Amino acid sequence: ALIRGCNPRPGAAFSNSQPEYVVPDVFVKRTESGWSVEINPASVPRIRVNQTYAGLVTRAADYASLRGQLQEARWLVRSLEIRHDTLLRVAMSIVERQVDFFERGEEAMKPMVLKDIADASEMHESTISRVTTGKYMHTPRGIIEFRYFFSSHVAGADGTDVSSVAIRARIRKLIADEEAGKPYSDSQLAQELSGEGIKVARRTVAKYRESLGSGSSSERRQAALRAPA
């Protein structure tokens, strides 16, 4: 009776704003020939120049102002087309470089910076930064922000770089698979990663672990002891 009398939406007393849902800008799908990227039609403004009215604008002096406005309208439509083309090219470059992530998950994420995509798409880094800000792709692994694919990296034992996203995913898996009541310390996690060819300092492991919302080894041990058998 007490539970039935509670407000199921207690947050409504503090805010009544409508939720804002993320609308993906592109769709990433697996096809028989590989991974495809398509622009989400719902994110594309449906703007066009009415050719009937455009045809009424002549070269007469009385139409000078209208000719200027018509030219601006055409440039706006063209700019939007270029924007969508740029967005698609950037998304395709990201998917092509991170195909292992789409195939196997976070642990296969490759290190990537803006310059990598700028070189692949033959654009300036500032353009890539602008295009990827606040943009999302709908994938079989969920809706992912473009910026998620850009991360810092750590040098591996074989000379190749390892993405910080992949390292965090590996730490998450190690913690999930650790023996109950005997959790890994940050030093032990660093040793496990080192054994896999990923040399990461203990303090870096601690930073990544905290970013995952995982407590220290002592906190995890206490949680395991409190857990019902």
C-alpha atoms as a PDB file:
ATOM      1  CA  ALA A   1       0.000   0.000   0.000  1.00  0.00           C
ATOM      2  CA  LEU A   2       2.871   2.353   0.778  1.00  0.00           C
ATOM      3  CA  ILE A   3       4.544   1.655  -2.573  1.00  0.00           C
ATOM      4  CA  ARG A   4       1.272   2.169  -4.456  1.00  0.00           C
ATOM      5  CA  GLY A   5       0.947   5.558  -2.778  1.00  0.00           C
ATOM      6  CA  CYS A   6       4.376   6.733  -3.946  1.00  0.00           C
ATOM      7  CA  ASN A   7       4.854   9.018  -6.922  1.00  0.00           C
ATOM      8  CA  PRO A   8       6.289   6.921  -9.805  1.00  0.00           C
ATOM      9  CA  ARG A   9       7.822  10.070 -11.320  1.00  0.00           C
ATOM     10  CA  PRO A  10       9.374  11.976  -8.405  1.00  0.00           C
ATOM     11  CA  GLY A  11      11.621  13.954 -10.712  1.00  0.00           C
ATOM     12  CA  ALA A  12       8.570  15.613 -12.275  1.00  0.00           C
ATOM     13  CA  ALA A  13       8.288  17.808  -9.168  1.00  0.00           C
ATOM     14  CA  PHE A  14      11.589  19.467 -10.080  1.00  0.00           C
ATOM     15  CA  SER A  15      11.443  19.556 -13.879  1.00  0.00           C
ATOM     16  CA  ASN A  16       8.684  19.111 -16.425  1.00  0.00           C
ATOM     17  CA  SER A  17      10.814  19.552 -19.528  1.00  0.00           C
ATOM     18  CA  GLN A  18      10.239  17.132 -22.359  1.00  0.00           C
ATOM     19  CA  PRO A  19      12.960  14.525 -22.931  1.00  0.00           C
ATOM     20  CA  GLU A  20      15.230  15.127 -25.903  1.00  0.00           C
ATOM     21  CA  TYR A  21      16.017  12.010 -27.910  1.00  0.00           C
ATOM     22  CA  VAL A  22      19.122  11.607 -30.009  1.00  0.00           C
ATOM     23  CA  VAL A  23      18.383  11.468 -33.737  1.00  0.00           C
ATOM     24  CA  PRO A  24      21.229   9.635 -35.507  1.00  0.00           C
ATOM     25  CA  ASP A  25      22.725  11.390 -38.506  1.00  0.00           C
ATOM     26  CA  VAL A  26      23.765   8.191 -40.275  1.00  0.00           C
ATOM     27  CA  PHE A  27      22.871   4.501 -40.274  1.00  0.00           C
ATOM     28  CA  VAL A  28      25.640   1.894 -40.200  1.00  0.00           C
ATOM     29  CA  LYS A  29      24.505  -1.542 -41.355  1.00  0.00           C
ATOM     30  CA  ARG A  30      26.102  -4.909 -42.040  1.00  0.00           C
ATOM     31  CA  THR A  31      25.490  -6.133 -45.575  1.00  0.00           C
ATOM     32  CA  GLU A  32      26.648  -9.118 -47.601  1.00  0.00           C
ATOM     33  CA  SER A  33      29.417  -7.004 -49.126  1.00  0.00           C
ATOM     34  CA  GLY A  34      30.554  -5.446 -45.840  1.00  0.00           C
ATOM     35  CA  TRP A  35      29.545  -2.411 -43.792  1.00  0.00           C
ATOM     36  CA  SER A  36      27.426   0.304 -45.392  1.00  0.00           C
ATOM     37  CA  VAL A  37      26.813   3.888 -44.269  1.00  0.00           C
ATOM     38  CA  GLU A  38      23.710   5.865 -45.194  1.00  0.00           C
ATOM     39  CA  ILE A  39      22.478   9.330 -44.292  1.00  0.00           C
ATOM     40  CA  ASN A  40      19.387   9.303 -42.075  1.00  0.00           C
ATOM     41  CA  PRO A  41      16.648  10.955 -44.201  1.00  0.00           C
ATOM     42  CA  ALA A  42      14.984  12.266 -41.028  1.00  0.00           C
ATOM     43  CA  SER A  43      18.075  14.379 -40.266  1.00  0.00           C
ATOM     44  CA  VAL A  44      18.182  15.985 -43.704  1.00  0.00           C
ATOM     45  CA  PRO A  45      16.303  19.302 -44.027  1.00  0.00           C
ATOM     46  CA  ARG A  46      13.855  19.109 -46.921  1.00  0.00           C
ATOM     47  CA  ILE A  47      14.670  22.402 -48.579  1.00  0.00           C
ATOM     48  CA  ARG A  48      14.426  23.118 -52.277  1.00  0.00           C
ATOM     49  CA  VAL A  49      13.944  26.068 -54.582  1.00  0.00           C
ATOM     50  CA  ASN A  50      10.483  26.288 -56.106  1.00  0.00           C
ATOM     51  CA  GLN A  51      11.303  26.226 -59.803  1.00  0.00           C
ATOM     52  CA  THR A  52       7.938  27.716 -60.752  1.00  0.00           C
ATOM     53  CA  TYR A  53       8.675  30.932 -58.860  1.00  0.00           C
ATOM     54  CA  ALA A  54      12.353  30.826 -59.839  1.00  0.00           C
ATOM     55  CA  GLY A  55      11.298  30.779 -63.491  1.00  0.00           C
ATOM     56  CA  LEU A  56       9.350  34.008 -63.015  1.00  0.00           C
ATOM     57  CA  VAL A  57      12.501  35.927 -62.097  1.00  0.00           C
ATOM     58  CA  THR A  58      13.801  37.551 -65.271  1.00  0.00           C
ATOM     59  CA  ARG A  59      16.842  39.669 -66.074  1.00  0.00           C
ATOM     60  CA  ALA A  60      14.771  42.838 -65.871  1.00  0.00           C
ATOM     61  CA  ALA A  61      16.045  45.560 -63.529  1.00  0.00           C
ATOM     62  CA  ASP A  62      12.887  45.287 -61.419  1.00  0.00           C
ATOM     63  CA  TYR A  63      13.925  41.765 -60.406  1.00  0.00           C
ATOM     64  CA  ALA A  64      17.465  42.616 -59.254  1.00  0.00           C
ATOM     65  CA  SER A  65      16.624  42.101 -55.572  1.00  0.00           C
ATOM     66  CA  LEU A  66      14.791  38.839 -56.238  1.00  0.00           C
ATOM     67  CA  ARG A  67      17.710  37.539 -58.336  1.00  0.00           C
ATOM     68  CA  GLY A  68      20.019  38.093 -55.380  1.00  0.00           C
ATOM     69  CA  GLN A  69      17.672  36.276 -53.023  1.00  0.00           C
ATOM     70  CA  LEU A  70      17.272  33.423 -55.517  1.00  0.00           C
ATOM     71  CA  GLN A  71      21.037  33.062 -55.761  1.00  0.00           C
ATOM     72  CA  GLU A  72      21.313  32.960 -51.954  1.00  0.00           C
ATOM     73  CA  ALA A  73      18.616  30.284 -51.803  1.00  0.00           C
ATOM     74  CA  ARG A  74      20.446  28.157 -54.354  1.00  0.00           C
ATOM     75  CA  TRP A  75      23.707  28.554 -52.448  1.00  0.00           C
ATOM     76  CA  LEU A  76      21.941  27.467 -49.247  1.00  0.00           C
ATOM     77  CA  VAL A  77      20.616  24.313 -50.895  1.00  0.00           C
ATOM     78  CA  ARG A  78      24.046  23.602 -52.386  1.00  0.00           C
ATOM     79  CA  SER A  79      25.759  24.166 -49.016  1.00  0.00           C
ATOM     80  CA  LEU A  80      23.446  21.661 -47.363  1.00  0.00           C
ATOM     81  CA  GLU A  81      24.222  19.107 -50.078  1.00  0.00           C
ATOM     82  CA  ILE A  82      27.952  19.623 -49.519  1.00  0.00           C
ATOM     83  CA  ARG A  83      27.446  19.307 -45.758  1.00  0.00           C
ATOM     84  CA  HIS A  84      25.634  15.978 -46.130  1.00  0.00           C
ATOM     85  CA  ASP A  85      28.279  14.705 -48.546  1.00  0.00           C
ATOM     86  CA  THR A  86      31.046  15.682 -46.113  1.00  0.00           C
ATOM     87  CA  LEU A  87      29.239  14.014 -43.204  1.00  0.00           C
ATOM     88  CA  LEU A  88      28.826  10.805 -45.211  1.00  0.00           C
ATOM     89  CA  ARG A  89      32.480  10.741 -46.282  1.00  0.00           C
ATOM     90  CA  VAL A  90      33.682  11.238 -42.708  1.00  0.00           C
ATOM     91  CA  ALA A  91      31.340   8.551 -41.377  1.00  0.00           C
ATOM     92  CA  MET A  92      32.508   6.101 -44.059  1.00  0.00           C
ATOM     93  CA  SER A  93      36.152   6.806 -43.209  1.00  0.00           C
ATOM     94  CA  ILE A  94      35.486   6.171 -39.511  1.00  0.00           C
ATOM     95  CA  VAL A  95      33.652   2.908 -40.170  1.00  0.00           C
ATOM     96  CA  GLU A  96      36.352   1.735 -42.584  1.00  0.00           C
ATOM     97  CA  ARG A  97      39.088   2.378 -40.014  1.00  0.00           C
ATOM     98  CA  GLN A  98      37.129   0.944 -37.069  1.00  0.00           C
ATOM     99  CA  VAL A  99      35.668  -2.115 -38.807  1.00  0.00           C
ATOM    100  CA  ASP A 100      37.235  -4.369 -36.131  1.00  0.00           C
ATOM    101  CA  PHE A 101      35.232  -2.521 -33.472  1.00  0.00           C
ATOM    102  CA  PHE A 102      31.981  -3.200 -35.329  1.00  0.00           C
ATOM    103  CA  GLU A 103      32.974  -6.827 -35.789  1.00  0.00           C
ATOM    104  CA  ARG A 104      34.336  -7.646 -32.299  1.00  0.00           C
ATOM    105  CA  GLY A 105      33.573  -4.795 -29.899  1.00  0.00           C
ATOM    106  CA  GLU A 106      35.450  -2.254 -27.784  1.00  0.00           C
ATOM    107  CA  GLU A 107      38.520  -4.419 -27.220  1.00  0.00           C
ATOM    108  CA  ALA A 108      39.214  -4.203 -30.966  1.00  0.00           C
ATOM    109  CA  MET A 109      38.982  -0.397 -31.121  1.00  0.00           C
ATOM    110  CA  LYS A 110      41.925   1.114 -32.989  1.00  0.00           C
ATOM    111  CA  PRO A 111      43.611   4.336 -31.857  1.00  0.00           C
ATOM    112  CA  MET A 112      42.466   7.218 -34.022  1.00  0.00           C
ATOM    113  CA  VAL A 113      42.873  10.999 -34.079  1.00  0.00           C
ATOM    114  CA  LEU A 114      41.323  13.716 -36.218  1.00  0.00           C
ATOM    115  CA  LYS A 115      44.344  13.781 -38.513  1.00  0.00           C
ATOM    116  CA  ASP A 116      43.805  10.131 -39.470  1.00  0.00           C
ATOM    117  CA  ILE A 117      40.323  10.862 -40.813  1.00  0.00           C
ATOM    118  CA  ALA A 118      41.431  14.184 -42.289  1.00  0.00           C
ATOM    119  CA  ASP A 119      44.107  12.396 -44.340  1.00  0.00           C
ATOM    120  CA  ALA A 120      41.757   9.580 -45.363  1.00  0.00           C
ATOM    121  CA  SER A 121      38.997  11.949 -46.495  1.00  0.00           C
ATOM    122  CA  GLU A 122      41.369  14.642 -47.837  1.00  0.00           C
ATOM    123  CA  MET A 123      39.943  17.354 -45.597  1.00  0.00           C
ATOM    124  CA  HIS A 124      41.370  19.725 -42.999  1.00  0.00           C
ATOM    125  CA  GLU A 125      41.422  18.671 -39.354  1.00  0.00           C
ATOM    126  CA  SER A 126      39.250  21.668 -38.397  1.00  0.00           C
ATOM    127  CA  THR A 127      36.606  20.430 -40.859  1.00  0.00           C
ATOM    128  CA  ILE A 128      36.671  16.950 -39.320  1.00  0.00           C
ATOM    129  CA  SER A 129      36.372  18.468 -35.843  1.00  0.00           C
ATOM    130  CA  ARG A 130      33.363  20.520 -36.884  1.00  0.00           C
ATOM    131  CA  VAL A 131      31.659  17.653 -38.739  1.00  0.00           C
ATOM    132  CA  THR A 132      32.041  15.170 -35.878  1.00  0.00           C
ATOM    133  CA  THR A 133      30.807  17.480 -33.116  1.00  0.00           C
ATOM    134  CA  GLY A 134      27.337  16.521 -31.896  1.00  0.00           C
ATOM    135  CA  LYS A 135      26.864  13.899 -34.630  1.00  0.00           C
ATOM    136  CA  TYR A 136      25.688  10.328 -34.014  1.00  0.00           C
ATOM    137  CA  MET A 137      25.541   7.067 -35.933  1.00  0.00           C
ATOM    138  CA  HIS A 138      23.003   4.292 -35.471  1.00  0.00           C
ATOM    139  CA  THR A 139      24.873   0.978 -35.402  1.00  0.00           C
ATOM    140  CA  PRO A 140      24.213  -2.656 -34.402  1.00  0.00           C
ATOM    141  CA  ARG A 141      26.118  -1.759 -31.204  1.00  0.00           C
ATOM    142  CA  GLY A 142      23.814   1.134 -30.364  1.00  0.00           C
ATOM    143  CA  ILE A 143      23.735   4.851 -31.092  1.00  0.00           C
ATOM    144  CA  ILE A 144      27.311   6.105 -30.912  1.00  0.00           C
ATOM    145  CA  GLU A 145      28.664   9.635 -31.063  1.00  0.00           C
ATOM    146  CA  PHE A 146      31.276  10.224 -33.759  1.00  0.00           C
ATOM    147  CA  ARG A 147      33.671  11.589 -31.123  1.00  0.00           C
ATOM    148  CA  TYR A 148      33.631   8.259 -29.297  1.00  0.00           C
ATOM    149  CA  PHE A 149      35.906   6.760 -31.953  1.00  0.00           C
ATOM    150  CA  PHE A 150      38.641   9.337 -31.331  1.00  0.00           C
ATOM    151  CA  SER A 151      40.749   8.459 -28.302  1.00  0.00           C
ATOM    152  CA  SER A 152      44.212   8.640 -26.812  1.00  0.00           C
ATOM    153  CA  HIS A 153      46.518   5.688 -27.205  1.00  0.00           C
ATOM    154  CA  VAL A 154      49.250   3.702 -25.484  1.00  0.00           C
ATOM    155  CA  ALA A 155      52.241   2.126 -27.216  1.00  0.00           C
ATOM    156  CA  GLY A 156      52.122  -1.670 -27.257  1.00  0.00           C
ATOM    157  CA  ALA A 157      55.074  -4.017 -26.801  1.00  0.00           C
ATOM    158  CA  ASP A 158      55.132  -4.796 -30.531  1.00  0.00           C
ATOM    159  CA  GLY A 159      55.387  -1.115 -31.438  1.00  0.00           C
ATOM    160  CA  THR A 160      51.733  -0.704 -32.414  1.00  0.00           C
ATOM    161  CA  ASP A 161      49.443   1.709 -30.584  1.00  0.00           C
ATOM    162  CA  VAL A 162      46.503   0.539 -28.488  1.00  0.00           C
ATOM    163  CA  SER A 163      43.374   2.669 -28.074  1.00  0.00           C
ATOM    164  CA  SER A 164      42.478   3.807 -24.557  1.00  0.00           C
ATOM    165  CA  VAL A 165      38.927   2.602 -25.301  1.00  0.00           C
ATOM    166  CA  ALA A 166      40.269  -0.908 -25.943  1.00  0.00           C
ATOM    167  CA  ILE A 167      42.323  -0.783 -22.737  1.00  0.00           C
ATOM    168  CA  ARG A 168      39.307   0.267 -20.657  1.00  0.00           C
ATOM    169  CA  ALA A 169      37.276  -2.537 -22.226  1.00  0.00           C
ATOM    170  CA  ARG A 170      40.008  -5.025 -21.333  1.00  0.00           C
ATOM    171  CA  ILE A 171      40.148  -3.739 -17.742  1.00  0.00           C
ATOM    172  CA  ARG A 172      36.363  -4.067 -17.484  1.00  0.00           C
ATOM    173  CA  LYS A 173      36.566  -7.685 -18.655  1.00  0.00           C
ATOM    174  CA  LEU A 174      39.401  -8.529 -16.253  1.00  0.00           C
ATOM    175  CA  ILE A 175      37.414  -7.144 -13.323  1.00  0.00           C
ATOM    176  CA  ALA A 176      34.264  -8.948 -14.444  1.00  0.00           C
ATOM    177  CA  ASP A 177      36.136 -12.265 -14.637  1.00  0.00           C
ATOM    178  CA  GLU A 178      38.170 -11.897 -11.416  1.00  0.00           C
ATOM    179  CA  GLU A 179      37.714 -14.405  -8.609  1.00  0.00           C
ATOM    180  CA  ALA A 180      35.060 -13.357  -6.098  1.00  0.00           C
ATOM    181  CA  GLY A 181      36.690 -12.180  -2.888  1.00  0.00           C
ATOM    182  CA  LYS A 182      40.118 -11.906  -4.551  1.00  0.00           C
ATOM    183  CA  PRO A 183      39.890  -8.873  -6.805  1.00  0.00           C
ATOM    184  CA  TYR A 184      42.815  -7.599  -8.822  1.00  0.00           C
ATOM    185  CA  SER A 185      44.694  -4.632  -7.438  1.00  0.00           C
ATOM    186  CA  ASP A 186      45.607  -1.850  -9.883  1.00  0.00           C
ATOM    187  CA  SER A 187      49.178  -3.182  -9.940  1.00  0.00           C
ATOM    188  CA  GLN A 188      47.933  -6.676 -10.776  1.00  0.00           C
ATOM    189  CA  LEU A 189      45.715  -5.301 -13.534  1.00  0.00           C
ATOM    190  CA  ALA A 190      48.746  -3.492 -14.945  1.00  0.00           C
ATOM    191  CA  GLN A 191      50.687  -6.763 -14.832  1.00  0.00           C
ATOM    192  CA  GLU A 192      47.903  -8.625 -16.627  1.00  0.00           C
ATOM    193  CA  LEU A 193      47.847  -5.990 -19.363  1.00  0.00           C
ATOM    194  CA  SER A 194      51.631  -6.069 -19.594  1.00  0.00           C
ATOM    195  CA  GLY A 195      51.433  -9.817 -20.154  1.00  0.00           C
ATOM    196  CA  GLU A 196      49.208  -9.079 -23.143  1.00  0.00           C
ATOM    197  CA  GLY A 197      51.753  -6.644 -24.550  1.00  0.00           C
ATOM    198  CA  ILE A 198      50.069  -3.486 -23.225  1.00  0.00           C
ATOM    199  CA  LYS A 199      52.384  -1.565 -20.911  1.00  0.00           C
ATOM    200  CA  VAL A 200      50.265   0.755 -18.760  1.00  0.00           C
ATOM    201  CA  ALA A 201      51.318   2.459 -15.519  1.00  0.00           C
ATOM    202  CA  ARG A 202      49.431   1.588 -12.335  1.00  0.00           C
ATOM    203  CA  ARG A 203      48.122   5.155 -11.984  1.00  0.00           C
ATOM    204  CA  THR A 204      46.816   5.011 -15.551  1.00  0.00           C
ATOM    205  CA  VAL A 205      45.034   1.750 -14.781  1.00  0.00           C
ATOM    206  CA  ALA A 206      43.509   3.395 -11.697  1.00  0.00           C
ATOM    207  CA  LYS A 207      42.302   6.326 -13.794  1.00  0.00           C
ATOM    208  CA  TYR A 208      40.713   4.045 -16.396  1.00  0.00           C
ATOM    209  CA  ARG A 209      39.152   1.852 -13.697  1.00  0.00           C
ATOM    210  CA  GLU A 210      37.591   4.880 -11.984  1.00  0.00           C
ATOM    211  CA  SER A 211      36.243   6.122 -15.331  1.00  0.00           C
ATOM    212  CA  LEU A 212      34.454   2.773 -15.630  1.00  0.00           C
ATOM    213  CA  GLY A 213      32.754   3.368 -12.287  1.00  0.00           C
ATOM    214  CA  SER A 214      34.542   0.419 -10.696  1.00  0.00           C
ATOM    215  CA  GLY A 215      35.725   0.682  -7.099  1.00  0.00           C
ATOM    216  CA  SER A 216      39.165  -0.142  -5.769  1.00  0.00           C
ATOM    217  CA  SER A 217      40.147  -3.731  -5.005  1.00  0.00           C
ATOM    218  CA  SER A 218      39.244  -3.294  -1.325  1.00  0.00           C
ATOM    219  CA  GLU A 219      35.839  -1.848  -2.220  1.00  0.00           C
ATOM    220  CA  ARG A 220      35.172  -4.701  -4.635  1.00  0.00           C
ATOM    221  CA  ARG A 221      36.253  -7.222  -2.004  1.00  0.00           C
ATOM    222  CA  GLN A 222      33.827  -5.751   0.531  1.00  0.00           C
ATOM    223  CA  ALA A 223      31.050  -5.778  -2.028  1.00  0.00           C
ATOM    224  CA  ALA A 224      31.732  -9.459  -2.735  1.00  0.00           C
ATOM    225  CA  LEU A 225      31.581 -10.281   0.982  1.00  0.00           C
ATOM    226  CA  ARG A 226      28.241  -8.462   1.354  1.00  0.00           C
ATOM    227  CA  ALA A 227      26.734 -10.175  -1.663  1.00  0.00           C
ATOM    228  CA  PRO A 228      24.256 -12.972  -0.854  1.00  0.00           C
ATOM    229  CA  ALA A 229      25.619 -16.476  -1.334  1.00  0.00           C
END
